[in-house]
Amino acid sequence: MNIKIIEGKIELLEPITQLYNEYMLFYKQPSNIPKYRAYLKDRMLQDNTIFCLAVDANNNAVGFTQNFNSYSSLSLHPILVLNDLFVSSNYRRKGIAEMLIKKTFQLAKKANMFRVDLRTSKDNTGAQKLYNKMNFIRDENVYTYRCEL
């Protein structure tokens, strides 16, 4: 399989939007391409997100990561948050998620980031295996809380 990982720029908004819609359906959210396009375009124009896009030999988008810049108060360094990772169902278990994460690492290093953070569902054991394989360390000392407003 011939897969390339490229940085997702505004010129690739349409294929990223289509994949993002698939991603939202995977997480049982409604299909809403106009809403997702507007959200993604805003993120890209504000330059506060970095997309990595997996494309096949025919330049079809088959996977992505969406990453956000952040900071660690304790380390006093910038970090990258790998917020979203998705691979289309026909392309799973082919190493594409690993390729996307490696590209995310490259971009983080290029931007002098201290580390890459992510989180995943407790029941997403397939992803957890990949993250362990790629030297992510699960934090057993921190709980995540949220308060919807």
N, C-alpha and C. Protein backbone atom coordinates (compact mmCIF):
# COMPACT_ATOMS: atom_id res chain seq x y z
N MET A 1 0.84 -1.18 0.00
CA MET A 1 0.00 0.00 0.00
C MET A 1 0.88 1.24 0.00
N ASN A 2 0.59 2.13 -0.90
CA ASN A 2 1.38 3.35 -1.06
C ASN A 2 0.65 4.52 -0.37
N ILE A 3 1.08 4.84 0.85
CA ILE A 3 0.46 5.91 1.64
C ILE A 3 1.50 7.00 1.89
N LYS A 4 1.10 8.25 1.70
CA LYS A 4 1.95 9.40 2.03
C LYS A 4 1.29 10.13 3.19
N ILE A 5 2.13 10.69 4.06
CA ILE A 5 1.64 11.53 5.15
C ILE A 5 2.11 12.94 4.86
N ILE A 6 1.16 13.85 4.74
CA ILE A 6 1.47 15.24 4.43
C ILE A 6 0.86 16.14 5.49
N GLU A 7 1.35 17.37 5.53
CA GLU A 7 0.75 18.33 6.44
C GLU A 7 -0.52 18.86 5.79
N GLY A 8 -1.60 18.85 6.54
CA GLY A 8 -2.90 19.29 6.02
C GLY A 8 -3.03 20.79 6.09
N LYS A 9 -3.02 21.43 4.94
CA LYS A 9 -3.15 22.89 4.85
C LYS A 9 -4.55 23.26 4.39
N ILE A 10 -4.85 24.54 4.38
CA ILE A 10 -6.18 25.04 4.02
C ILE A 10 -6.60 24.57 2.63
N GLU A 11 -5.65 24.37 1.73
CA GLU A 11 -5.97 23.90 0.38
C GLU A 11 -6.59 22.51 0.41
N LEU A 12 -6.40 21.78 1.49
CA LEU A 12 -6.92 20.43 1.62
C LEU A 12 -8.16 20.37 2.53
N LEU A 13 -8.80 21.52 2.70
CA LEU A 13 -9.95 21.61 3.59
C LEU A 13 -11.04 20.61 3.22
N GLU A 14 -11.35 20.46 1.95
CA GLU A 14 -12.46 19.58 1.56
C GLU A 14 -12.21 18.11 1.92
N PRO A 15 -11.06 17.53 1.53
CA PRO A 15 -10.85 16.14 1.93
C PRO A 15 -10.74 15.96 3.44
N ILE A 16 -10.19 16.93 4.13
CA ILE A 16 -10.12 16.84 5.59
C ILE A 16 -11.53 16.90 6.18
N THR A 17 -12.37 17.75 5.63
CA THR A 17 -13.76 17.85 6.10
C THR A 17 -14.50 16.53 5.91
N GLN A 18 -14.33 15.90 4.76
CA GLN A 18 -15.00 14.62 4.51
C GLN A 18 -14.55 13.57 5.54
N LEU A 19 -13.25 13.51 5.79
CA LEU A 19 -12.73 12.57 6.79
C LEU A 19 -13.23 12.92 8.19
N TYR A 20 -13.27 14.20 8.48
CA TYR A 20 -13.73 14.64 9.80
C TYR A 20 -15.19 14.24 10.01
N ASN A 21 -15.98 14.32 8.96
CA ASN A 21 -17.37 13.88 9.04
C ASN A 21 -17.43 12.38 9.36
N GLU A 22 -16.59 11.58 8.71
CA GLU A 22 -16.50 10.14 9.02
C GLU A 22 -16.13 9.94 10.49
N TYR A 23 -15.18 10.72 10.94
CA TYR A 23 -14.71 10.66 12.33
C TYR A 23 -15.87 10.92 13.29
N MET A 24 -16.64 11.96 13.01
CA MET A 24 -17.75 12.31 13.88
C MET A 24 -18.82 11.21 13.85
N LEU A 25 -19.07 10.62 12.70
CA LEU A 25 -20.02 9.51 12.62
C LEU A 25 -19.53 8.32 13.44
N PHE A 26 -18.21 8.07 13.39
CA PHE A 26 -17.62 6.99 14.18
C PHE A 26 -17.92 7.19 15.67
N TYR A 27 -17.89 8.44 16.10
CA TYR A 27 -18.17 8.75 17.50
C TYR A 27 -19.65 9.09 17.74
N LYS A 28 -20.49 8.60 16.82
CA LYS A 28 -21.94 8.69 16.95
C LYS A 28 -22.46 10.12 17.03
N GLN A 29 -21.79 11.01 16.31
CA GLN A 29 -22.24 12.38 16.17
C GLN A 29 -22.95 12.51 14.82
N PRO A 30 -23.82 13.49 14.67
CA PRO A 30 -24.54 13.62 13.40
C PRO A 30 -23.62 14.08 12.26
N SER A 31 -23.96 13.68 11.06
CA SER A 31 -23.26 14.18 9.88
C SER A 31 -23.64 15.65 9.70
N ASN A 32 -22.63 16.52 9.54
CA ASN A 32 -22.90 17.93 9.36
C ASN A 32 -21.69 18.59 8.69
N ILE A 33 -21.55 18.31 7.42
CA ILE A 33 -20.37 18.77 6.68
C ILE A 33 -20.21 20.30 6.72
N PRO A 34 -21.26 21.09 6.51
CA PRO A 34 -21.06 22.55 6.58
C PRO A 34 -20.53 23.02 7.94
N LYS A 35 -21.07 22.46 9.01
CA LYS A 35 -20.62 22.83 10.36
C LYS A 35 -19.16 22.43 10.57
N TYR A 36 -18.80 21.22 10.18
CA TYR A 36 -17.43 20.74 10.37
C TYR A 36 -16.45 21.51 9.49
N ARG A 37 -16.88 21.83 8.26
CA ARG A 37 -16.01 22.63 7.37
C ARG A 37 -15.71 23.98 8.01
N ALA A 38 -16.75 24.65 8.54
CA ALA A 38 -16.56 25.96 9.17
C ALA A 38 -15.63 25.86 10.38
N TYR A 39 -15.83 24.83 11.19
CA TYR A 39 -14.96 24.62 12.36
C TYR A 39 -13.51 24.42 11.94
N LEU A 40 -13.30 23.53 10.97
CA LEU A 40 -11.93 23.22 10.54
C LEU A 40 -11.28 24.43 9.88
N LYS A 41 -12.03 25.13 9.05
CA LYS A 41 -11.50 26.32 8.38
C LYS A 41 -11.07 27.36 9.42
N ASP A 42 -11.90 27.56 10.43
CA ASP A 42 -11.58 28.50 11.48
C ASP A 42 -10.29 28.10 12.21
N ARG A 43 -10.16 26.81 12.53
CA ARG A 43 -8.94 26.33 13.20
C ARG A 43 -7.72 26.61 12.32
N MET A 44 -7.85 26.32 11.03
CA MET A 44 -6.71 26.50 10.12
C MET A 44 -6.36 27.98 9.94
N LEU A 45 -7.36 28.81 9.77
CA LEU A 45 -7.10 30.24 9.56
C LEU A 45 -6.54 30.90 10.81
N GLN A 46 -6.93 30.41 11.98
CA GLN A 46 -6.40 30.96 13.22
C GLN A 46 -5.02 30.39 13.53
N ASP A 47 -4.61 29.42 12.72
CA ASP A 47 -3.28 28.82 12.85
C ASP A 47 -3.04 28.23 14.24
N ASN A 48 -4.09 27.62 14.79
CA ASN A 48 -3.91 27.00 16.10
C ASN A 48 -4.08 25.49 16.05
N THR A 49 -4.00 24.93 14.87
CA THR A 49 -4.06 23.49 14.72
C THR A 49 -3.08 23.04 13.65
N ILE A 50 -2.59 21.85 13.80
CA ILE A 50 -1.70 21.24 12.80
C ILE A 50 -2.34 19.91 12.41
N PHE A 51 -2.63 19.77 11.13
CA PHE A 51 -3.20 18.52 10.62
C PHE A 51 -2.12 17.71 9.93
N CYS A 52 -2.14 16.42 10.15
CA CYS A 52 -1.38 15.47 9.35
C CYS A 52 -2.42 14.66 8.59
N LEU A 53 -2.19 14.49 7.30
CA LEU A 53 -3.16 13.83 6.45
C LEU A 53 -2.51 12.66 5.74
N ALA A 54 -3.17 11.50 5.81
CA ALA A 54 -2.71 10.31 5.09
C ALA A 54 -3.47 10.26 3.76
N VAL A 55 -2.72 10.13 2.67
CA VAL A 55 -3.34 10.02 1.34
C VAL A 55 -2.81 8.78 0.65
N ASP A 56 -3.70 8.13 -0.12
CA ASP A 56 -3.29 6.93 -0.84
C ASP A 56 -2.69 7.29 -2.19
N ALA A 57 -2.39 6.29 -3.00
CA ALA A 57 -1.73 6.50 -4.30
C ALA A 57 -2.57 7.36 -5.24
N ASN A 58 -3.88 7.40 -5.04
CA ASN A 58 -4.77 8.22 -5.87
C ASN A 58 -5.08 9.57 -5.23
N ASN A 59 -4.31 9.93 -4.20
CA ASN A 59 -4.50 11.18 -3.45
C ASN A 59 -5.83 11.26 -2.73
N ASN A 60 -6.41 10.12 -2.40
CA ASN A 60 -7.60 10.10 -1.55
C ASN A 60 -7.18 10.19 -0.10
N ALA A 61 -7.83 11.08 0.64
CA ALA A 61 -7.53 11.22 2.07
C ALA A 61 -8.10 10.02 2.81
N VAL A 62 -7.26 9.34 3.60
CA VAL A 62 -7.69 8.12 4.29
C VAL A 62 -7.49 8.18 5.80
N GLY A 63 -6.87 9.22 6.31
CA GLY A 63 -6.67 9.34 7.75
C GLY A 63 -6.11 10.71 8.11
N PHE A 64 -6.24 11.08 9.38
CA PHE A 64 -5.71 12.37 9.81
C PHE A 64 -5.41 12.37 11.30
N THR A 65 -4.57 13.31 11.69
CA THR A 65 -4.47 13.73 13.08
C THR A 65 -4.73 15.23 13.11
N GLN A 66 -5.37 15.67 14.18
CA GLN A 66 -5.52 17.09 14.45
C GLN A 66 -4.80 17.37 15.76
N ASN A 67 -3.86 18.28 15.71
CA ASN A 67 -2.98 18.56 16.84
C ASN A 67 -3.07 20.03 17.21
N PHE A 68 -3.02 20.30 18.51
CA PHE A 68 -3.10 21.66 19.00
C PHE A 68 -1.85 22.01 19.81
N ASN A 69 -1.40 23.22 19.65
CA ASN A 69 -0.29 23.73 20.46
C ASN A 69 -0.80 24.03 21.87
N SER A 70 0.03 23.72 22.85
CA SER A 70 -0.29 24.04 24.23
C SER A 70 1.02 24.26 24.98
N TYR A 71 0.93 24.38 26.29
CA TYR A 71 2.12 24.61 27.12
C TYR A 71 2.03 23.78 28.38
N SER A 72 3.17 23.39 28.87
CA SER A 72 3.26 22.70 30.15
C SER A 72 3.80 23.68 31.18
N SER A 73 3.00 23.97 32.17
CA SER A 73 3.42 24.90 33.23
C SER A 73 4.55 24.32 34.05
N LEU A 74 4.56 23.01 34.24
CA LEU A 74 5.59 22.39 35.07
C LEU A 74 6.93 22.31 34.35
N SER A 75 6.90 21.97 33.08
CA SER A 75 8.17 21.86 32.34
C SER A 75 8.62 23.19 31.76
N LEU A 76 7.69 24.15 31.72
CA LEU A 76 7.96 25.47 31.13
C LEU A 76 8.32 25.37 29.65
N HIS A 77 7.66 24.43 28.96
CA HIS A 77 7.93 24.21 27.54
C HIS A 77 6.61 24.05 26.78
N PRO A 78 6.65 24.36 25.49
CA PRO A 78 5.48 24.10 24.66
C PRO A 78 5.32 22.59 24.44
N ILE A 79 4.07 22.17 24.31
CA ILE A 79 3.76 20.77 24.02
C ILE A 79 2.75 20.73 22.87
N LEU A 80 2.63 19.59 22.27
CA LEU A 80 1.64 19.38 21.22
C LEU A 80 0.61 18.38 21.74
N VAL A 81 -0.65 18.70 21.59
CA VAL A 81 -1.73 17.80 21.99
C VAL A 81 -2.28 17.13 20.73
N LEU A 82 -2.08 15.83 20.65
CA LEU A 82 -2.65 15.05 19.56
C LEU A 82 -4.11 14.82 19.96
N ASN A 83 -4.97 15.67 19.46
CA ASN A 83 -6.36 15.70 19.92
C ASN A 83 -7.24 14.68 19.21
N ASP A 84 -7.03 14.50 17.91
CA ASP A 84 -7.87 13.60 17.13
C ASP A 84 -6.99 12.76 16.21
N LEU A 85 -7.32 11.48 16.14
CA LEU A 85 -6.63 10.55 15.24
C LEU A 85 -7.71 9.67 14.63
N PHE A 86 -7.73 9.61 13.30
CA PHE A 86 -8.76 8.82 12.63
C PHE A 86 -8.19 8.23 11.34
N VAL A 87 -8.55 6.97 11.09
CA VAL A 87 -8.24 6.29 9.83
C VAL A 87 -9.53 5.67 9.33
N SER A 88 -9.84 5.88 8.06
CA SER A 88 -11.05 5.30 7.45
C SER A 88 -11.06 3.79 7.63
N SER A 89 -12.24 3.25 7.80
CA SER A 89 -12.38 1.83 8.15
C SER A 89 -11.69 0.89 7.17
N ASN A 90 -11.72 1.17 5.88
CA ASN A 90 -11.08 0.29 4.88
C ASN A 90 -9.56 0.30 4.97
N TYR A 91 -8.99 1.25 5.70
CA TYR A 91 -7.53 1.40 5.76
C TYR A 91 -6.95 1.09 7.14
N ARG A 92 -7.77 0.64 8.05
CA ARG A 92 -7.28 0.35 9.40
C ARG A 92 -6.44 -0.91 9.43
N ARG A 93 -5.59 -0.99 10.44
CA ARG A 93 -4.70 -2.14 10.66
C ARG A 93 -3.68 -2.31 9.54
N LYS A 94 -3.30 -1.19 8.95
CA LYS A 94 -2.31 -1.20 7.87
C LYS A 94 -1.10 -0.31 8.20
N GLY A 95 -1.01 0.14 9.46
CA GLY A 95 0.12 0.96 9.88
C GLY A 95 -0.04 2.45 9.65
N ILE A 96 -1.21 2.87 9.18
CA ILE A 96 -1.40 4.29 8.85
C ILE A 96 -1.45 5.15 10.11
N ALA A 97 -2.11 4.67 11.17
CA ALA A 97 -2.15 5.45 12.42
C ALA A 97 -0.73 5.68 12.94
N GLU A 98 0.11 4.66 12.86
CA GLU A 98 1.49 4.81 13.30
C GLU A 98 2.23 5.83 12.44
N MET A 99 2.00 5.79 11.14
CA MET A 99 2.62 6.77 10.24
C MET A 99 2.18 8.19 10.57
N LEU A 100 0.89 8.35 10.87
CA LEU A 100 0.37 9.67 11.24
C LEU A 100 1.00 10.18 12.53
N ILE A 101 1.15 9.29 13.51
CA ILE A 101 1.77 9.70 14.78
C ILE A 101 3.23 10.05 14.56
N LYS A 102 3.94 9.28 13.75
CA LYS A 102 5.34 9.61 13.47
C LYS A 102 5.47 10.98 12.82
N LYS A 103 4.56 11.31 11.90
CA LYS A 103 4.59 12.63 11.28
C LYS A 103 4.29 13.70 12.32
N THR A 104 3.36 13.42 13.23
CA THR A 104 3.07 14.35 14.32
C THR A 104 4.33 14.59 15.16
N PHE A 105 5.06 13.51 15.46
CA PHE A 105 6.32 13.65 16.19
C PHE A 105 7.30 14.55 15.44
N GLN A 106 7.43 14.34 14.13
CA GLN A 106 8.34 15.15 13.31
C GLN A 106 7.98 16.63 13.41
N LEU A 107 6.70 16.93 13.25
CA LEU A 107 6.26 18.32 13.30
C LEU A 107 6.47 18.92 14.68
N ALA A 108 6.25 18.14 15.73
CA ALA A 108 6.46 18.61 17.10
C ALA A 108 7.95 18.92 17.33
N LYS A 109 8.81 18.04 16.86
CA LYS A 109 10.26 18.28 17.01
C LYS A 109 10.68 19.52 16.24
N LYS A 110 10.16 19.67 15.04
CA LYS A 110 10.49 20.82 14.20
C LYS A 110 10.08 22.13 14.89
N ALA A 111 8.99 22.09 15.65
CA ALA A 111 8.49 23.27 16.35
C ALA A 111 9.05 23.37 17.78
N ASN A 112 10.05 22.54 18.09
CA ASN A 112 10.70 22.55 19.41
C ASN A 112 9.74 22.27 20.56
N MET A 113 8.81 21.35 20.34
CA MET A 113 7.89 20.96 21.38
C MET A 113 8.59 20.01 22.35
N PHE A 114 8.20 20.09 23.60
CA PHE A 114 8.78 19.28 24.66
C PHE A 114 8.27 17.84 24.62
N ARG A 115 6.97 17.69 24.31
CA ARG A 115 6.37 16.36 24.26
C ARG A 115 5.07 16.42 23.46
N VAL A 116 4.53 15.22 23.22
CA VAL A 116 3.21 15.08 22.60
C VAL A 116 2.31 14.38 23.61
N ASP A 117 1.16 14.99 23.89
CA ASP A 117 0.18 14.41 24.80
C ASP A 117 -1.03 13.94 24.00
N LEU A 118 -1.70 12.93 24.52
CA LEU A 118 -2.97 12.49 23.95
C LEU A 118 -3.76 11.79 25.03
N ARG A 119 -5.02 11.55 24.74
CA ARG A 119 -5.85 10.73 25.62
C ARG A 119 -6.75 9.88 24.74
N THR A 120 -7.20 8.78 25.31
CA THR A 120 -8.06 7.87 24.58
C THR A 120 -9.04 7.21 25.54
N SER A 121 -10.07 6.64 24.98
CA SER A 121 -11.07 5.94 25.79
C SER A 121 -10.46 4.73 26.47
N LYS A 122 -10.94 4.41 27.65
CA LYS A 122 -10.44 3.25 28.37
C LYS A 122 -10.70 1.96 27.62
N ASP A 123 -11.75 1.93 26.81
CA ASP A 123 -12.07 0.70 26.07
C ASP A 123 -11.42 0.62 24.69
N ASN A 124 -10.63 1.63 24.33
CA ASN A 124 -9.97 1.63 23.03
C ASN A 124 -8.61 0.91 23.14
N THR A 125 -8.69 -0.38 23.33
CA THR A 125 -7.47 -1.16 23.60
C THR A 125 -6.55 -1.24 22.39
N GLY A 126 -7.10 -1.22 21.19
CA GLY A 126 -6.26 -1.23 20.00
C GLY A 126 -5.36 0.00 19.94
N ALA A 127 -5.95 1.16 20.19
CA ALA A 127 -5.16 2.40 20.21
C ALA A 127 -4.15 2.37 21.34
N GLN A 128 -4.54 1.86 22.50
CA GLN A 128 -3.63 1.81 23.63
C GLN A 128 -2.39 0.96 23.32
N LYS A 129 -2.59 -0.14 22.62
CA LYS A 129 -1.46 -0.98 22.22
C LYS A 129 -0.51 -0.21 21.31
N LEU A 130 -1.08 0.52 20.37
CA LEU A 130 -0.24 1.33 19.47
C LEU A 130 0.51 2.40 20.25
N TYR A 131 -0.16 3.09 21.15
CA TYR A 131 0.49 4.16 21.91
C TYR A 131 1.61 3.60 22.78
N ASN A 132 1.39 2.46 23.38
CA ASN A 132 2.45 1.81 24.17
C ASN A 132 3.63 1.45 23.27
N LYS A 133 3.34 0.89 22.11
CA LYS A 133 4.39 0.52 21.16
C LYS A 133 5.23 1.74 20.75
N MET A 134 4.58 2.91 20.70
CA MET A 134 5.25 4.13 20.24
C MET A 134 5.83 4.95 21.39
N ASN A 135 5.96 4.32 22.55
CA ASN A 135 6.62 4.90 23.73
C ASN A 135 5.83 5.98 24.45
N PHE A 136 4.52 6.06 24.22
CA PHE A 136 3.70 6.90 25.07
C PHE A 136 3.62 6.23 26.43
N ILE A 137 3.56 7.03 27.47
CA ILE A 137 3.47 6.50 28.84
C ILE A 137 2.12 6.92 29.40
N ARG A 138 1.35 5.93 29.85
CA ARG A 138 0.05 6.23 30.44
C ARG A 138 0.25 6.82 31.82
N ASP A 139 -0.37 7.95 32.05
CA ASP A 139 -0.27 8.63 33.34
C ASP A 139 -1.28 8.03 34.30
N GLU A 140 -0.78 7.34 35.31
CA GLU A 140 -1.63 6.69 36.31
C GLU A 140 -1.92 7.62 37.49
N ASN A 141 -1.34 8.81 37.50
CA ASN A 141 -1.41 9.69 38.67
C ASN A 141 -2.36 10.87 38.49
N VAL A 142 -2.98 10.99 37.32
CA VAL A 142 -3.79 12.17 37.04
C VAL A 142 -5.19 11.73 36.61
N TYR A 143 -6.18 12.36 37.16
CA TYR A 143 -7.56 12.21 36.70
C TYR A 143 -7.89 13.36 35.77
N THR A 144 -8.73 13.12 34.81
CA THR A 144 -9.20 14.18 33.92
C THR A 144 -10.61 14.55 34.35
N TYR A 145 -10.83 15.83 34.50
CA TYR A 145 -12.16 16.35 34.86
C TYR A 145 -12.60 17.31 33.76
N ARG A 146 -13.91 17.48 33.63
CA ARG A 146 -14.42 18.50 32.72
C ARG A 146 -15.74 19.01 33.25
N CYS A 147 -16.05 20.20 32.87
CA CYS A 147 -17.29 20.84 33.27
C CYS A 147 -17.87 21.55 32.04
N GLU A 148 -18.94 21.01 31.51
CA GLU A 148 -19.54 21.62 30.33
C GLU A 148 -20.29 22.89 30.73
N LEU A 149 -20.11 23.93 29.95
CA LEU A 149 -20.74 25.23 30.25
C LEU A 149 -21.79 25.58 29.23
